[in-house]
Amino acid sequence: MTHETVTSLAGAEVLARAKKFFQERVPSNAAFPEKEGPTWLALRGQGGEEIALSVAAGPDGTRVRASTLFFDQAVGRFLSTLPAAQDGTT
């Protein structure tokens, strides 16, 4: 499943928060960085399942896109912790 939101945070801050969130806030389903670049992050968790995140600057804020098969609930929780874009778009 793919999840998307727009936030007022910079892309680098979103990726840093994702690393911390999936290592610390989801103890029963932790996921850890496997590969990363300046605008994307791949986390690997239980049973080898993956979370792929990407960020892109846009006119309304930073667009965050996350894709996963196993971690849907955790991804939704993570995205809900991000501050909304300044115009209220989510």
PDB file of N, CA and C in Angstrom:
ATOM      1  N   MET A   1       0.846  -1.171   0.000  1.00  0.00           N
ATOM      2  CA  MET A   1       0.000   0.000   0.000  1.00  0.00           C
ATOM      3  C   MET A   1       0.892   1.235   0.000  1.00  0.00           C
ATOM      4  N   THR A   2       0.437   2.284  -0.655  1.00  0.00           N
ATOM      5  CA  THR A   2       1.170   3.541  -0.722  1.00  0.00           C
ATOM      6  C   THR A   2       0.425   4.606   0.068  1.00  0.00           C
ATOM      7  N   HIS A   3       1.161   5.346   0.878  1.00  0.00           N
ATOM      8  CA  HIS A   3       0.611   6.427   1.693  1.00  0.00           C
ATOM      9  C   HIS A   3       1.282   7.721   1.273  1.00  0.00           C
ATOM     10  N   GLU A   4       0.546   8.837   1.298  1.00  0.00           N
ATOM     11  CA  GLU A   4       1.115  10.133   0.958  1.00  0.00           C
ATOM     12  C   GLU A   4       0.590  11.211   1.885  1.00  0.00           C
ATOM     13  N   THR A   5       1.436  12.221   2.122  1.00  0.00           N
ATOM     14  CA  THR A   5       1.026  13.400   2.869  1.00  0.00           C
ATOM     15  C   THR A   5       1.928  14.550   2.455  1.00  0.00           C
ATOM     16  N   VAL A   6       1.572  15.757   2.865  1.00  0.00           N
ATOM     17  CA  VAL A   6       2.405  16.943   2.648  1.00  0.00           C
ATOM     18  C   VAL A   6       2.648  17.564   4.014  1.00  0.00           C
ATOM     19  N   THR A   7       3.906  17.900   4.296  1.00  0.00           N
ATOM     20  CA  THR A   7       4.285  18.440   5.594  1.00  0.00           C
ATOM     21  C   THR A   7       5.073  19.733   5.447  1.00  0.00           C
ATOM     22  N   SER A   8       5.130  20.480   6.527  1.00  0.00           N
ATOM     23  CA  SER A   8       5.915  21.714   6.531  1.00  0.00           C
ATOM     24  C   SER A   8       7.393  21.448   6.823  1.00  0.00           C
ATOM     25  N   LEU A   9       7.751  20.233   7.209  1.00  0.00           N
ATOM     26  CA  LEU A   9       9.145  19.894   7.506  1.00  0.00           C
ATOM     27  C   LEU A   9       9.965  19.776   6.229  1.00  0.00           C
ATOM     28  N   ALA A  10      11.263  19.991   6.362  1.00  0.00           N
ATOM     29  CA  ALA A  10      12.187  19.743   5.257  1.00  0.00           C
ATOM     30  C   ALA A  10      12.330  18.234   5.052  1.00  0.00           C
ATOM     31  N   GLY A  11      12.665  17.841   3.850  1.00  0.00           N
ATOM     32  CA  GLY A  11      12.794  16.425   3.534  1.00  0.00           C
ATOM     33  C   GLY A  11      13.784  15.684   4.418  1.00  0.00           C
ATOM     34  N   ALA A  12      14.950  16.295   4.676  1.00  0.00           N
ATOM     35  CA  ALA A  12      15.965  15.650   5.514  1.00  0.00           C
ATOM     36  C   ALA A  12      15.437  15.401   6.923  1.00  0.00           C
ATOM     37  N   GLU A  13      14.639  16.321   7.443  1.00  0.00           N
ATOM     38  CA  GLU A  13      14.057  16.149   8.780  1.00  0.00           C
ATOM     39  C   GLU A  13      13.039  15.007   8.794  1.00  0.00           C
ATOM     40  N   VAL A  14      12.253  14.887   7.745  1.00  0.00           N
ATOM     41  CA  VAL A  14      11.283  13.789   7.649  1.00  0.00           C
ATOM     42  C   VAL A  14      12.013  12.449   7.678  1.00  0.00           C
ATOM     43  N   LEU A  15      13.078  12.321   6.891  1.00  0.00           N
ATOM     44  CA  LEU A  15      13.815  11.057   6.842  1.00  0.00           C
ATOM     45  C   LEU A  15      14.485  10.749   8.178  1.00  0.00           C
ATOM     46  N   ALA A  16      15.035  11.770   8.835  1.00  0.00           N
ATOM     47  CA  ALA A  16      15.638  11.563  10.157  1.00  0.00           C
ATOM     48  C   ALA A  16      14.591  11.106  11.171  1.00  0.00           C
ATOM     49  N   ARG A  17      13.419  11.726  11.131  1.00  0.00           N
ATOM     50  CA  ARG A  17      12.343  11.321  12.044  1.00  0.00           C
ATOM     51  C   ARG A  17      11.877   9.898  11.757  1.00  0.00           C
ATOM     52  N   ALA A  18      11.837   9.519  10.486  1.00  0.00           N
ATOM     53  CA  ALA A  18      11.419   8.160  10.123  1.00  0.00           C
ATOM     54  C   ALA A  18      12.376   7.136  10.712  1.00  0.00           C
ATOM     55  N   LYS A  19      13.671   7.382  10.596  1.00  0.00           N
ATOM     56  CA  LYS A  19      14.655   6.444  11.159  1.00  0.00           C
ATOM     57  C   LYS A  19      14.415   6.248  12.651  1.00  0.00           C
ATOM     58  N   LYS A  20      14.256   7.338  13.360  1.00  0.00           N
ATOM     59  CA  LYS A  20      14.059   7.266  14.805  1.00  0.00           C
ATOM     60  C   LYS A  20      12.728   6.598  15.152  1.00  0.00           C
ATOM     61  N   PHE A  21      11.659   6.990  14.465  1.00  0.00           N
ATOM     62  CA  PHE A  21      10.327   6.457  14.746  1.00  0.00           C
ATOM     63  C   PHE A  21      10.301   4.940  14.581  1.00  0.00           C
ATOM     64  N   PHE A  22      10.784   4.439  13.464  1.00  0.00           N
ATOM     65  CA  PHE A  22      10.663   3.008  13.196  1.00  0.00           C
ATOM     66  C   PHE A  22      11.637   2.161  14.013  1.00  0.00           C
ATOM     67  N   GLN A  23      12.665   2.780  14.587  1.00  0.00           N
ATOM     68  CA  GLN A  23      13.564   2.037  15.477  1.00  0.00           C
ATOM     69  C   GLN A  23      13.065   2.039  16.909  1.00  0.00           C
ATOM     70  N   GLU A  24      12.434   3.147  17.349  1.00  0.00           N
ATOM     71  CA  GLU A  24      12.102   3.312  18.762  1.00  0.00           C
ATOM     72  C   GLU A  24      10.622   3.234  19.096  1.00  0.00           C
ATOM     73  N   ARG A  25       9.755   3.740  18.237  1.00  0.00           N
ATOM     74  CA  ARG A  25       8.347   3.877  18.587  1.00  0.00           C
ATOM     75  C   ARG A  25       7.504   2.678  18.202  1.00  0.00           C
ATOM     76  N   VAL A  26       8.051   1.752  17.453  1.00  0.00           N
ATOM     77  CA  VAL A  26       7.299   0.575  17.021  1.00  0.00           C
ATOM     78  C   VAL A  26       8.096  -0.670  17.427  1.00  0.00           C
ATOM     79  N   PRO A  27       8.251  -0.888  18.746  1.00  0.00           N
ATOM     80  CA  PRO A  27       9.156  -1.950  19.203  1.00  0.00           C
ATOM     81  C   PRO A  27       8.798  -3.353  18.717  1.00  0.00           C
ATOM     82  N   SER A  28       7.550  -3.667  18.596  1.00  0.00           N
ATOM     83  CA  SER A  28       7.181  -5.018  18.165  1.00  0.00           C
ATOM     84  C   SER A  28       7.378  -5.215  16.666  1.00  0.00           C
ATOM     85  N   ASN A  29       7.481  -4.131  15.920  1.00  0.00           N
ATOM     86  CA  ASN A  29       7.672  -4.199  14.476  1.00  0.00           C
ATOM     87  C   ASN A  29       8.754  -3.220  14.028  1.00  0.00           C
ATOM     88  N   ALA A  30       9.877  -3.193  14.712  1.00  0.00           N
ATOM     89  CA  ALA A  30      10.936  -2.241  14.385  1.00  0.00           C
ATOM     90  C   ALA A  30      11.462  -2.484  12.973  1.00  0.00           C
ATOM     91  N   ALA A  31      11.920  -1.400  12.357  1.00  0.00           N
ATOM     92  CA  ALA A  31      12.542  -1.455  11.037  1.00  0.00           C
ATOM     93  C   ALA A  31      13.757  -0.542  11.072  1.00  0.00           C
ATOM     94  N   PHE A  32      14.802  -0.943  10.371  1.00  0.00           N
ATOM     95  CA  PHE A  32      16.071  -0.235  10.446  1.00  0.00           C
ATOM     96  C   PHE A  32      16.546   0.159   9.053  1.00  0.00           C
ATOM     97  N   PRO A  33      17.280   1.283   8.959  1.00  0.00           N
ATOM     98  CA  PRO A  33      17.763   1.739   7.647  1.00  0.00           C
ATOM     99  C   PRO A  33      18.598   0.663   6.954  1.00  0.00           C
ATOM    100  N   GLU A  34      18.295   0.437   5.692  1.00  0.00           N
ATOM    101  CA  GLU A  34      19.066  -0.505   4.890  1.00  0.00           C
ATOM    102  C   GLU A  34      19.832   0.234   3.802  1.00  0.00           C
ATOM    103  N   LYS A  35      19.140   1.153   3.128  1.00  0.00           N
ATOM    104  CA  LYS A  35      19.747   1.978   2.083  1.00  0.00           C
ATOM    105  C   LYS A  35      19.123   3.357   2.187  1.00  0.00           C
ATOM    106  N   GLU A  36      19.885   4.382   1.760  1.00  0.00           N
ATOM    107  CA  GLU A  36      19.305   5.721   1.779  1.00  0.00           C
ATOM    108  C   GLU A  36      20.052   6.653   0.847  1.00  0.00           C
ATOM    109  N   GLY A  37      19.352   7.706   0.489  1.00  0.00           N
ATOM    110  CA  GLY A  37      19.911   8.779  -0.317  1.00  0.00           C
ATOM    111  C   GLY A  37      19.354  10.083   0.215  1.00  0.00           C
ATOM    112  N   PRO A  38      19.662  11.207  -0.429  1.00  0.00           N
ATOM    113  CA  PRO A  38      19.212  12.493   0.092  1.00  0.00           C
ATOM    114  C   PRO A  38      17.688  12.678   0.074  1.00  0.00           C
ATOM    115  N   THR A  39      16.975  11.943  -0.784  1.00  0.00           N
ATOM    116  CA  THR A  39      15.522  12.118  -0.870  1.00  0.00           C
ATOM    117  C   THR A  39      14.744  10.825  -0.667  1.00  0.00           C
ATOM    118  N   TRP A  40      15.405   9.770  -0.199  1.00  0.00           N
ATOM    119  CA  TRP A  40      14.710   8.494  -0.011  1.00  0.00           C
ATOM    120  C   TRP A  40      15.370   7.672   1.080  1.00  0.00           C
ATOM    121  N   LEU A  41      14.602   6.719   1.577  1.00  0.00           N
ATOM    122  CA  LEU A  41      15.056   5.848   2.657  1.00  0.00           C
ATOM    123  C   LEU A  41      14.361   4.502   2.518  1.00  0.00           C
ATOM    124  N   ALA A  42      15.137   3.439   2.607  1.00  0.00           N
ATOM    125  CA  ALA A  42      14.573   2.088   2.621  1.00  0.00           C
ATOM    126  C   ALA A  42      14.887   1.475   3.979  1.00  0.00           C
ATOM    127  N   LEU A  43      13.848   1.066   4.683  1.00  0.00           N
ATOM    128  CA  LEU A  43      13.986   0.431   5.991  1.00  0.00           C
ATOM    129  C   LEU A  43      13.630  -1.044   5.852  1.00  0.00           C
ATOM    130  N   ARG A  44      14.318  -1.887   6.599  1.00  0.00           N
ATOM    131  CA  ARG A  44      14.045  -3.324   6.571  1.00  0.00           C
ATOM    132  C   ARG A  44      13.654  -3.751   7.968  1.00  0.00           C
ATOM    133  N   GLY A  45      12.583  -4.551   8.056  1.00  0.00           N
ATOM    134  CA  GLY A  45      12.084  -4.971   9.357  1.00  0.00           C
ATOM    135  C   GLY A  45      11.826  -6.450   9.438  1.00  0.00           C
ATOM    136  N   GLN A  46      10.880  -6.796  10.285  1.00  0.00           N
ATOM    137  CA  GLN A  46      10.509  -8.172  10.587  1.00  0.00           C
ATOM    138  C   GLN A  46      10.317  -9.001   9.322  1.00  0.00           C
ATOM    139  N   GLY A  47      10.965 -10.143   9.274  1.00  0.00           N
ATOM    140  CA  GLY A  47      10.802 -11.044   8.145  1.00  0.00           C
ATOM    141  C   GLY A  47      11.323 -10.503   6.835  1.00  0.00           C
ATOM    142  N   GLY A  48      12.151  -9.458   6.891  1.00  0.00           N
ATOM    143  CA  GLY A  48      12.691  -8.872   5.668  1.00  0.00           C
ATOM    144  C   GLY A  48      11.759  -7.892   4.986  1.00  0.00           C
ATOM    145  N   GLU A  49      10.643  -7.580   5.628  1.00  0.00           N
ATOM    146  CA  GLU A  49       9.688  -6.641   5.033  1.00  0.00           C
ATOM    147  C   GLU A  49      10.291  -5.242   4.940  1.00  0.00           C
ATOM    148  N   GLU A  50       9.865  -4.491   3.929  1.00  0.00           N
ATOM    149  CA  GLU A  50      10.460  -3.198   3.632  1.00  0.00           C
ATOM    150  C   GLU A  50       9.470  -2.051   3.777  1.00  0.00           C
ATOM    151  N   ILE A  51      10.013  -0.905   4.164  1.00  0.00           N
ATOM    152  CA  ILE A  51       9.302   0.364   4.104  1.00  0.00           C
ATOM    153  C   ILE A  51      10.142   1.261   3.208  1.00  0.00           C
ATOM    154  N   ALA A  52       9.561   1.790   2.157  1.00  0.00           N
ATOM    155  CA  ALA A  52      10.258   2.707   1.261  1.00  0.00           C
ATOM    156  C   ALA A  52       9.630   4.087   1.410  1.00  0.00           C
ATOM    157  N   LEU A  53      10.456   5.088   1.714  1.00  0.00           N
ATOM    158  CA  LEU A  53       9.987   6.463   1.876  1.00  0.00           C
ATOM    159  C   LEU A  53      10.721   7.363   0.892  1.00  0.00           C
ATOM    160  N   SER A  54       9.995   8.342   0.355  1.00  0.00           N
ATOM    161  CA  SER A  54      10.635   9.358  -0.473  1.00  0.00           C
ATOM    162  C   SER A  54      10.054  10.715  -0.113  1.00  0.00           C
ATOM    163  N   VAL A  55      10.863  11.755  -0.323  1.00  0.00           N
ATOM    164  CA  VAL A  55      10.438  13.122  -0.048  1.00  0.00           C
ATOM    165  C   VAL A  55      10.752  13.976  -1.271  1.00  0.00           C
ATOM    166  N   ALA A  56       9.900  14.968  -1.518  1.00  0.00           N
ATOM    167  CA  ALA A  56      10.113  15.885  -2.634  1.00  0.00           C
ATOM    168  C   ALA A  56       9.547  17.248  -2.264  1.00  0.00           C
ATOM    169  N   ALA A  57      10.346  18.268  -2.475  1.00  0.00           N
ATOM    170  CA  ALA A  57       9.880  19.629  -2.188  1.00  0.00           C
ATOM    171  C   ALA A  57       8.817  20.011  -3.212  1.00  0.00           C
ATOM    172  N   GLY A  58       7.787  20.689  -2.731  1.00  0.00           N
ATOM    173  CA  GLY A  58       6.718  21.154  -3.602  1.00  0.00           C
ATOM    174  C   GLY A  58       6.294  22.548  -3.211  1.00  0.00           C
ATOM    175  N   PRO A  59       5.392  23.140  -3.954  1.00  0.00           N
ATOM    176  CA  PRO A  59       4.969  24.509  -3.662  1.00  0.00           C
ATOM    177  C   PRO A  59       4.212  24.642  -2.338  1.00  0.00           C
ATOM    178  N   ASP A  60       3.603  23.559  -1.875  1.00  0.00           N
ATOM    179  CA  ASP A  60       2.807  23.601  -0.644  1.00  0.00           C
ATOM    180  C   ASP A  60       3.536  23.029   0.560  1.00  0.00           C
ATOM    181  N   GLY A  61       4.751  22.515   0.375  1.00  0.00           N
ATOM    182  CA  GLY A  61       5.502  21.883   1.447  1.00  0.00           C
ATOM    183  C   GLY A  61       6.235  20.678   0.906  1.00  0.00           C
ATOM    184  N   THR A  62       6.642  19.807   1.780  1.00  0.00           N
ATOM    185  CA  THR A  62       7.364  18.604   1.380  1.00  0.00           C
ATOM    186  C   THR A  62       6.376  17.448   1.230  1.00  0.00           C
ATOM    187  N   ARG A  63       6.349  16.872   0.036  1.00  0.00           N
ATOM    188  CA  ARG A  63       5.490  15.709  -0.220  1.00  0.00           C
ATOM    189  C   ARG A  63       6.225  14.468   0.254  1.00  0.00           C
ATOM    190  N   VAL A  64       5.561  13.672   1.074  1.00  0.00           N
ATOM    191  CA  VAL A  64       6.134  12.444   1.623  1.00  0.00           C
ATOM    192  C   VAL A  64       5.324  11.277   1.086  1.00  0.00           C
ATOM    193  N   ARG A  65       6.034  10.310   0.547  1.00  0.00           N
ATOM    194  CA  ARG A  65       5.376   9.119   0.017  1.00  0.00           C
ATOM    195  C   ARG A  65       6.025   7.900   0.655  1.00  0.00           C
ATOM    196  N   ALA A  66       5.204   6.980   1.150  1.00  0.00           N
ATOM    197  CA  ALA A  66       5.702   5.766   1.794  1.00  0.00           C
ATOM    198  C   ALA A  66       4.972   4.558   1.230  1.00  0.00           C
ATOM    199  N   SER A  67       5.709   3.499   1.009  1.00  0.00           N
ATOM    200  CA  SER A  67       5.138   2.281   0.462  1.00  0.00           C
ATOM    201  C   SER A  67       5.596   1.088   1.302  1.00  0.00           C
ATOM    202  N   THR A  68       4.662   0.173   1.578  1.00  0.00           N
ATOM    203  CA  THR A  68       4.971  -1.022   2.361  1.00  0.00           C
ATOM    204  C   THR A  68       3.886  -2.067   2.157  1.00  0.00           C
ATOM    205  N   LEU A  69       4.215  -3.296   2.456  1.00  0.00           N
ATOM    206  CA  LEU A  69       3.218  -4.364   2.440  1.00  0.00           C
ATOM    207  C   LEU A  69       2.803  -4.755   3.849  1.00  0.00           C
ATOM    208  N   PHE A  70       3.740  -4.725   4.789  1.00  0.00           N
ATOM    209  CA  PHE A  70       3.503  -5.240   6.138  1.00  0.00           C
ATOM    210  C   PHE A  70       3.259  -4.140   7.174  1.00  0.00           C
ATOM    211  N   PHE A  71       3.879  -2.985   6.997  1.00  0.00           N
ATOM    212  CA  PHE A  71       3.898  -1.952   8.024  1.00  0.00           C
ATOM    213  C   PHE A  71       2.861  -0.850   7.812  1.00  0.00           C
ATOM    214  N   ASP A  72       1.728  -1.150   7.215  1.00  0.00           N
ATOM    215  CA  ASP A  72       0.729  -0.118   6.908  1.00  0.00           C
ATOM    216  C   ASP A  72       0.306   0.696   8.125  1.00  0.00           C
ATOM    217  N   GLN A  73      -0.014   0.044   9.210  1.00  0.00           N
ATOM    218  CA  GLN A  73      -0.474   0.756  10.403  1.00  0.00           C
ATOM    219  C   GLN A  73       0.633   1.644  10.962  1.00  0.00           C
ATOM    220  N   ALA A  74       1.853   1.131  11.029  1.00  0.00           N
ATOM    221  CA  ALA A  74       2.968   1.920  11.551  1.00  0.00           C
ATOM    222  C   ALA A  74       3.286   3.103  10.644  1.00  0.00           C
ATOM    223  N   VAL A  75       3.224   2.912   9.342  1.00  0.00           N
ATOM    224  CA  VAL A  75       3.463   4.018   8.403  1.00  0.00           C
ATOM    225  C   VAL A  75       2.396   5.091   8.584  1.00  0.00           C
ATOM    226  N   GLY A  76       1.152   4.689   8.711  1.00  0.00           N
ATOM    227  CA  GLY A  76       0.079   5.656   8.952  1.00  0.00           C
ATOM    228  C   GLY A  76       0.296   6.438  10.236  1.00  0.00           C
ATOM    229  N   ARG A  77       0.731   5.749  11.278  1.00  0.00           N
ATOM    230  CA  ARG A  77       1.022   6.439  12.540  1.00  0.00           C
ATOM    231  C   ARG A  77       2.173   7.420  12.381  1.00  0.00           C
ATOM    232  N   PHE A  78       3.226   7.005  11.679  1.00  0.00           N
ATOM    233  CA  PHE A  78       4.353   7.908  11.465  1.00  0.00           C
ATOM    234  C   PHE A  78       3.914   9.162  10.713  1.00  0.00           C
ATOM    235  N   LEU A  79       3.197   8.992   9.626  1.00  0.00           N
ATOM    236  CA  LEU A  79       2.766  10.150   8.843  1.00  0.00           C
ATOM    237  C   LEU A  79       1.875  11.083   9.661  1.00  0.00           C
ATOM    238  N   SER A  80       1.100  10.527  10.585  1.00  0.00           N
ATOM    239  CA  SER A  80       0.230  11.370  11.413  1.00  0.00           C
ATOM    240  C   SER A  80       1.018  12.211  12.410  1.00  0.00           C
ATOM    241  N   THR A  81       2.290  11.870  12.653  1.00  0.00           N
ATOM    242  CA  THR A  81       3.115  12.665  13.575  1.00  0.00           C
ATOM    243  C   THR A  81       3.744  13.870  12.898  1.00  0.00           C
ATOM    244  N   LEU A  82       3.705  13.920  11.578  1.00  0.00           N
ATOM    245  CA  LEU A  82       4.324  15.032  10.852  1.00  0.00           C
ATOM    246  C   LEU A  82       3.407  16.242  10.858  1.00  0.00           C
ATOM    247  N   PRO A  83       3.957  17.434  11.071  1.00  0.00           N
ATOM    248  CA  PRO A  83       3.117  18.636  11.032  1.00  0.00           C
ATOM    249  C   PRO A  83       2.572  18.852   9.624  1.00  0.00           C
ATOM    250  N   ALA A  84       1.335  19.275   9.559  1.00  0.00           N
ATOM    251  CA  ALA A  84       0.690  19.503   8.266  1.00  0.00           C
ATOM    252  C   ALA A  84       1.383  20.642   7.530  1.00  0.00           C
ATOM    253  N   ALA A  85       1.243  20.641   6.223  1.00  0.00           N
ATOM    254  CA  ALA A  85       1.765  21.734   5.409  1.00  0.00           C
ATOM    255  C   ALA A  85       1.085  23.032   5.853  1.00  0.00           C
ATOM    256  N   GLN A  86       1.720  24.133   5.616  1.00  0.00           N
ATOM    257  CA  GLN A  86       1.233  25.407   6.114  1.00  0.00           C
ATOM    258  C   GLN A  86      -0.135  25.795   5.573  1.00  0.00           C
ATOM    259  N   ASP A  87      -0.488  25.275   4.400  1.00  0.00           N
ATOM    260  CA  ASP A  87      -1.813  25.618   3.879  1.00  0.00           C
ATOM    261  C   ASP A  87      -2.872  24.619   4.338  1.00  0.00           C
ATOM    262  N   GLY A  88      -2.452  23.640   5.162  1.00  0.00           N
ATOM    263  CA  GLY A  88      -3.410  22.674   5.705  1.00  0.00           C
ATOM    264  C   GLY A  88      -3.572  21.430   4.861  1.00  0.00           C
ATOM    265  N   THR A  89      -2.840  21.311   3.748  1.00  0.00           N
ATOM    266  CA  THR A  89      -2.928  20.140   2.882  1.00  0.00           C
ATOM    267  C   THR A  89      -2.326  18.947   3.580  1.00  0.00           C
ATOM    268  N   THR A  90      -3.024  17.802   3.537  1.00  0.00           N
ATOM    269  CA  THR A  90      -2.458  16.559   4.082  1.00  0.00           C
ATOM    270  C   THR A  90      -2.709  15.439   3.126  1.00  0.00           C
TER     271      THR A  90
END
